[in-house]
Amino acid sequence: MLTLALACMAAPATAWEFTPVPICTLFHQGADMAVMVTYDPGIGEYAIQLSREGGWPEGDVFSMRFEGPRGLTISTDRHRIEAEDTRTLTVRDRGFGNVLNGLHFNSRAFAVLGDLEVPLSLEGAAPAVEAFRNCPADQLVSAPVSEFSAKS
């Protein structure tokens, strides 16, 4: 999947896209980074991967700030950047309600790590997020606990 995100990095910005196969996947190639949210029913885990050509700096806390009608900031210290390829930052968890609400109900987001803030337009995201939420029932699990902690 990382290959998909990185392969699309050079492509122009596209709409938010959803596919249920092979796992529930929400994807968007923004102007400054590619975003991929997945749910793998085999292990009951959600993941968000944020890929950018400039890579990610070291940082103790990763945050996503959502701006719009339901603005919120979520953060975690359990993010991961591969040492061999610093272009992709990944957060995995068993619950992603705050992430999905942020993407669905707001107009833009910022991925924040250290002094770096990367903007992301959420224009047109709501239908794809809704499709992701409605991924076939055998793809979904109920997991209320989230790695991200929300701050309003």
C-alpha atoms as a PDB file:
ATOM      1  CA  MET A   1       0.000   0.000   0.000  1.00  0.00           C
ATOM      2  CA  LEU A   2       2.894   2.340   0.664  1.00  0.00           C
ATOM      3  CA  THR A   3       3.893   1.772  -2.945  1.00  0.00           C
ATOM      4  CA  LEU A   4       0.433   2.935  -4.066  1.00  0.00           C
ATOM      5  CA  ALA A   5       0.683   6.106  -2.023  1.00  0.00           C
ATOM      6  CA  LEU A   6       4.192   6.913  -3.197  1.00  0.00           C
ATOM      7  CA  ALA A   7       3.413   6.059  -6.816  1.00  0.00           C
ATOM      8  CA  CYS A   8       0.591   8.577  -6.740  1.00  0.00           C
ATOM      9  CA  MET A   9       2.738  11.315  -5.176  1.00  0.00           C
ATOM     10  CA  ALA A  10       3.714  12.726  -8.572  1.00  0.00           C
ATOM     11  CA  ALA A  11       0.122  12.665  -9.836  1.00  0.00           C
ATOM     12  CA  PRO A  12      -2.048  15.771  -9.656  1.00  0.00           C
ATOM     13  CA  ALA A  13      -4.484  16.125  -6.772  1.00  0.00           C
ATOM     14  CA  THR A  14      -7.435  13.761  -7.098  1.00  0.00           C
ATOM     15  CA  ALA A  15     -10.734  13.246  -5.377  1.00  0.00           C
ATOM     16  CA  TRP A  16     -11.075  11.262  -2.187  1.00  0.00           C
ATOM     17  CA  GLU A  17     -11.498   7.604  -3.139  1.00  0.00           C
ATOM     18  CA  PHE A  18     -12.828   4.534  -1.330  1.00  0.00           C
ATOM     19  CA  THR A  19     -12.436   0.844  -2.107  1.00  0.00           C
ATOM     20  CA  PRO A  20     -13.503  -2.174  -0.018  1.00  0.00           C
ATOM     21  CA  VAL A  21     -11.024  -4.519  -1.741  1.00  0.00           C
ATOM     22  CA  PRO A  22      -8.737  -6.076  -0.607  1.00  0.00           C
ATOM     23  CA  ILE A  23      -9.345  -4.176   2.646  1.00  0.00           C
ATOM     24  CA  CYS A  24     -11.376  -1.059   3.377  1.00  0.00           C
ATOM     25  CA  THR A  25      -9.262   1.807   2.016  1.00  0.00           C
ATOM     26  CA  LEU A  26      -9.767   5.569   1.863  1.00  0.00           C
ATOM     27  CA  PHE A  27      -7.205   7.402  -0.286  1.00  0.00           C
ATOM     28  CA  HIS A  28      -6.490  10.976  -1.301  1.00  0.00           C
ATOM     29  CA  GLN A  29      -3.563  12.522  -3.119  1.00  0.00           C
ATOM     30  CA  GLY A  30      -3.357  16.084  -1.867  1.00  0.00           C
ATOM     31  CA  ALA A  31      -1.081  18.850  -3.081  1.00  0.00           C
ATOM     32  CA  ASP A  32       1.420  18.300  -0.246  1.00  0.00           C
ATOM     33  CA  MET A  33       0.876  14.693   0.843  1.00  0.00           C
ATOM     34  CA  ALA A  34      -0.955  11.462   0.134  1.00  0.00           C
ATOM     35  CA  VAL A  35      -3.323  10.133   2.794  1.00  0.00           C
ATOM     36  CA  MET A  36      -4.396   6.518   3.081  1.00  0.00           C
ATOM     37  CA  VAL A  37      -6.696   5.195   5.808  1.00  0.00           C
ATOM     38  CA  THR A  38      -7.211   1.434   5.970  1.00  0.00           C
ATOM     39  CA  TYR A  39      -9.101  -1.062   8.047  1.00  0.00           C
ATOM     40  CA  ASP A  40      -7.839  -4.648   8.063  1.00  0.00           C
ATOM     41  CA  PRO A  41     -10.516  -6.985   9.472  1.00  0.00           C
ATOM     42  CA  GLY A  42      -8.021  -9.834   9.684  1.00  0.00           C
ATOM     43  CA  ILE A  43      -6.212  -8.106  12.528  1.00  0.00           C
ATOM     44  CA  GLY A  44      -8.957  -5.663  13.580  1.00  0.00           C
ATOM     45  CA  GLU A  45      -6.741  -2.648  13.001  1.00  0.00           C
ATOM     46  CA  TYR A  46      -7.068   0.785  11.434  1.00  0.00           C
ATOM     47  CA  ALA A  47      -4.079   2.661  10.049  1.00  0.00           C
ATOM     48  CA  ILE A  48      -3.455   6.083   8.599  1.00  0.00           C
ATOM     49  CA  GLN A  49      -0.414   6.616   6.421  1.00  0.00           C
ATOM     50  CA  LEU A  50       0.642  10.136   5.503  1.00  0.00           C
ATOM     51  CA  SER A  51       3.260  10.262   2.739  1.00  0.00           C
ATOM     52  CA  ARG A  52       5.175  13.316   1.569  1.00  0.00           C
ATOM     53  CA  GLU A  53       8.209  13.700  -0.643  1.00  0.00           C
ATOM     54  CA  GLY A  54      10.064  15.852   1.903  1.00  0.00           C
ATOM     55  CA  GLY A  55       9.776  13.179   4.583  1.00  0.00           C
ATOM     56  CA  TRP A  56       8.924  13.673   8.251  1.00  0.00           C
ATOM     57  CA  PRO A  57      11.165  15.070  10.988  1.00  0.00           C
ATOM     58  CA  GLU A  58      11.704  13.422  14.356  1.00  0.00           C
ATOM     59  CA  GLY A  59       9.058  14.370  16.894  1.00  0.00           C
ATOM     60  CA  ASP A  60       7.668  13.016  20.137  1.00  0.00           C
ATOM     61  CA  VAL A  61       4.006  13.805  19.434  1.00  0.00           C
ATOM     62  CA  PHE A  62       2.136  13.643  16.128  1.00  0.00           C
ATOM     63  CA  SER A  63      -1.115  15.607  15.839  1.00  0.00           C
ATOM     64  CA  MET A  64      -3.858  16.147  13.321  1.00  0.00           C
ATOM     65  CA  ARG A  65      -5.731  19.422  13.644  1.00  0.00           C
ATOM     66  CA  PHE A  66      -9.094  19.560  11.905  1.00  0.00           C
ATOM     67  CA  GLU A  67     -10.644  22.921  11.069  1.00  0.00           C
ATOM     68  CA  GLY A  68     -14.290  23.424  10.206  1.00  0.00           C
ATOM     69  CA  PRO A  69     -17.727  22.895  11.758  1.00  0.00           C
ATOM     70  CA  ARG A  70     -16.497  20.107  14.055  1.00  0.00           C
ATOM     71  CA  GLY A  71     -12.917  21.194  14.589  1.00  0.00           C
ATOM     72  CA  LEU A  72     -10.737  19.144  16.887  1.00  0.00           C
ATOM     73  CA  THR A  73      -7.137  18.177  17.457  1.00  0.00           C
ATOM     74  CA  ILE A  74      -6.068  14.576  17.991  1.00  0.00           C
ATOM     75  CA  SER A  75      -2.595  13.475  18.973  1.00  0.00           C
ATOM     76  CA  THR A  76      -0.471  10.433  19.739  1.00  0.00           C
ATOM     77  CA  ASP A  77       3.046   9.559  20.753  1.00  0.00           C
ATOM     78  CA  ARG A  78       2.744   6.131  19.102  1.00  0.00           C
ATOM     79  CA  HIS A  79       3.315   7.213  15.511  1.00  0.00           C
ATOM     80  CA  ARG A  80       5.971   5.538  13.414  1.00  0.00           C
ATOM     81  CA  ILE A  81       8.338   6.732  10.686  1.00  0.00           C
ATOM     82  CA  GLU A  82      10.368   4.092   8.909  1.00  0.00           C
ATOM     83  CA  ALA A  83      14.109   4.679   9.364  1.00  0.00           C
ATOM     84  CA  GLU A  84      14.831   3.439   5.832  1.00  0.00           C
ATOM     85  CA  ASP A  85      12.219   5.680   4.204  1.00  0.00           C
ATOM     86  CA  THR A  86      11.139   8.752   6.171  1.00  0.00           C
ATOM     87  CA  ARG A  87       8.511   9.776   3.583  1.00  0.00           C
ATOM     88  CA  THR A  88       5.656   7.941   5.331  1.00  0.00           C
ATOM     89  CA  LEU A  89       4.317   8.428   8.844  1.00  0.00           C
ATOM     90  CA  THR A  90       1.964   5.719  10.135  1.00  0.00           C
ATOM     91  CA  VAL A  91      -0.405   5.508  13.086  1.00  0.00           C
ATOM     92  CA  ARG A  92      -2.191   2.214  13.836  1.00  0.00           C
ATOM     93  CA  ASP A  93      -5.054   1.586  16.255  1.00  0.00           C
ATOM     94  CA  ARG A  94      -8.153  -0.499  16.907  1.00  0.00           C
ATOM     95  CA  GLY A  95     -10.480   2.536  16.850  1.00  0.00           C
ATOM     96  CA  PHE A  96     -10.473   5.535  14.521  1.00  0.00           C
ATOM     97  CA  GLY A  97     -13.716   7.396  15.228  1.00  0.00           C
ATOM     98  CA  ASN A  98     -11.997  10.744  15.868  1.00  0.00           C
ATOM     99  CA  VAL A  99      -9.954  10.476  12.671  1.00  0.00           C
ATOM    100  CA  LEU A 100     -12.986   9.590  10.561  1.00  0.00           C
ATOM    101  CA  ASN A 101     -15.100  12.350  12.164  1.00  0.00           C
ATOM    102  CA  GLY A 102     -12.317  14.868  11.552  1.00  0.00           C
ATOM    103  CA  LEU A 103     -12.027  13.903   7.889  1.00  0.00           C
ATOM    104  CA  HIS A 104     -15.791  13.724   7.363  1.00  0.00           C
ATOM    105  CA  PHE A 105     -17.095  16.850   9.083  1.00  0.00           C
ATOM    106  CA  ASN A 106     -14.404  19.469   8.504  1.00  0.00           C
ATOM    107  CA  SER A 107     -13.006  21.512   5.635  1.00  0.00           C
ATOM    108  CA  ARG A 108      -9.279  21.086   6.155  1.00  0.00           C
ATOM    109  CA  ALA A 109      -6.701  19.387   8.298  1.00  0.00           C
ATOM    110  CA  PHE A 110      -3.091  19.863   9.282  1.00  0.00           C
ATOM    111  CA  ALA A 111      -0.688  17.024  10.029  1.00  0.00           C
ATOM    112  CA  VAL A 112       1.688  18.353  12.697  1.00  0.00           C
ATOM    113  CA  LEU A 113       5.008  16.884  13.782  1.00  0.00           C
ATOM    114  CA  GLY A 114       7.527  19.070  15.566  1.00  0.00           C
ATOM    115  CA  ASP A 115       7.657  22.420  13.740  1.00  0.00           C
ATOM    116  CA  LEU A 116       6.258  20.924  10.511  1.00  0.00           C
ATOM    117  CA  GLU A 117       2.587  21.519   9.615  1.00  0.00           C
ATOM    118  CA  VAL A 118       1.323  19.972   6.392  1.00  0.00           C
ATOM    119  CA  PRO A 119      -2.094  21.171   5.138  1.00  0.00           C
ATOM    120  CA  LEU A 120      -4.722  18.879   3.677  1.00  0.00           C
ATOM    121  CA  SER A 121      -7.937  19.894   1.956  1.00  0.00           C
ATOM    122  CA  LEU A 122     -10.946  17.847   3.025  1.00  0.00           C
ATOM    123  CA  GLU A 123     -13.097  19.136   0.171  1.00  0.00           C
ATOM    124  CA  GLY A 124     -15.140  16.223  -1.152  1.00  0.00           C
ATOM    125  CA  ALA A 125     -13.957  13.828   1.579  1.00  0.00           C
ATOM    126  CA  ALA A 126     -17.352  13.251   3.246  1.00  0.00           C
ATOM    127  CA  PRO A 127     -18.859  10.806   0.680  1.00  0.00           C
ATOM    128  CA  ALA A 128     -15.705   8.663   0.602  1.00  0.00           C
ATOM    129  CA  VAL A 129     -15.457   8.691   4.420  1.00  0.00           C
ATOM    130  CA  GLU A 130     -19.117   7.658   4.631  1.00  0.00           C
ATOM    131  CA  ALA A 131     -18.454   4.791   2.201  1.00  0.00           C
ATOM    132  CA  PHE A 132     -15.464   3.773   4.332  1.00  0.00           C
ATOM    133  CA  ARG A 133     -17.644   3.804   7.466  1.00  0.00           C
ATOM    134  CA  ASN A 134     -20.196   1.645   5.628  1.00  0.00           C
ATOM    135  CA  CYS A 135     -17.623  -0.850   4.401  1.00  0.00           C
ATOM    136  CA  PRO A 136     -19.213  -4.321   4.228  1.00  0.00           C
ATOM    137  CA  ALA A 137     -20.196  -5.560   7.688  1.00  0.00           C
ATOM    138  CA  ASP A 138     -17.725  -8.439   7.582  1.00  0.00           C
ATOM    139  CA  GLN A 139     -14.966  -5.834   7.221  1.00  0.00           C
ATOM    140  CA  LEU A 140     -15.792  -3.873  10.378  1.00  0.00           C
ATOM    141  CA  VAL A 141     -15.306  -4.370  14.102  1.00  0.00           C
ATOM    142  CA  SER A 142     -16.505  -2.344  17.040  1.00  0.00           C
ATOM    143  CA  ALA A 143     -13.531  -0.825  18.855  1.00  0.00           C
ATOM    144  CA  PRO A 144     -14.224   2.371  20.817  1.00  0.00           C
ATOM    145  CA  VAL A 145     -10.676   2.859  22.150  1.00  0.00           C
ATOM    146  CA  SER A 146      -8.478   5.090  20.027  1.00  0.00           C
ATOM    147  CA  GLU A 147      -4.721   5.627  20.047  1.00  0.00           C
ATOM    148  CA  PHE A 148      -5.366   9.266  19.269  1.00  0.00           C
ATOM    149  CA  SER A 149      -6.596  11.393  22.130  1.00  0.00           C
ATOM    150  CA  ALA A 150      -8.944  14.226  21.214  1.00  0.00           C
ATOM    151  CA  LYS A 151      -8.732  17.811  22.376  1.00  0.00           C
ATOM    152  CA  SER A 152     -11.542  20.168  21.407  1.00  0.00           C
END
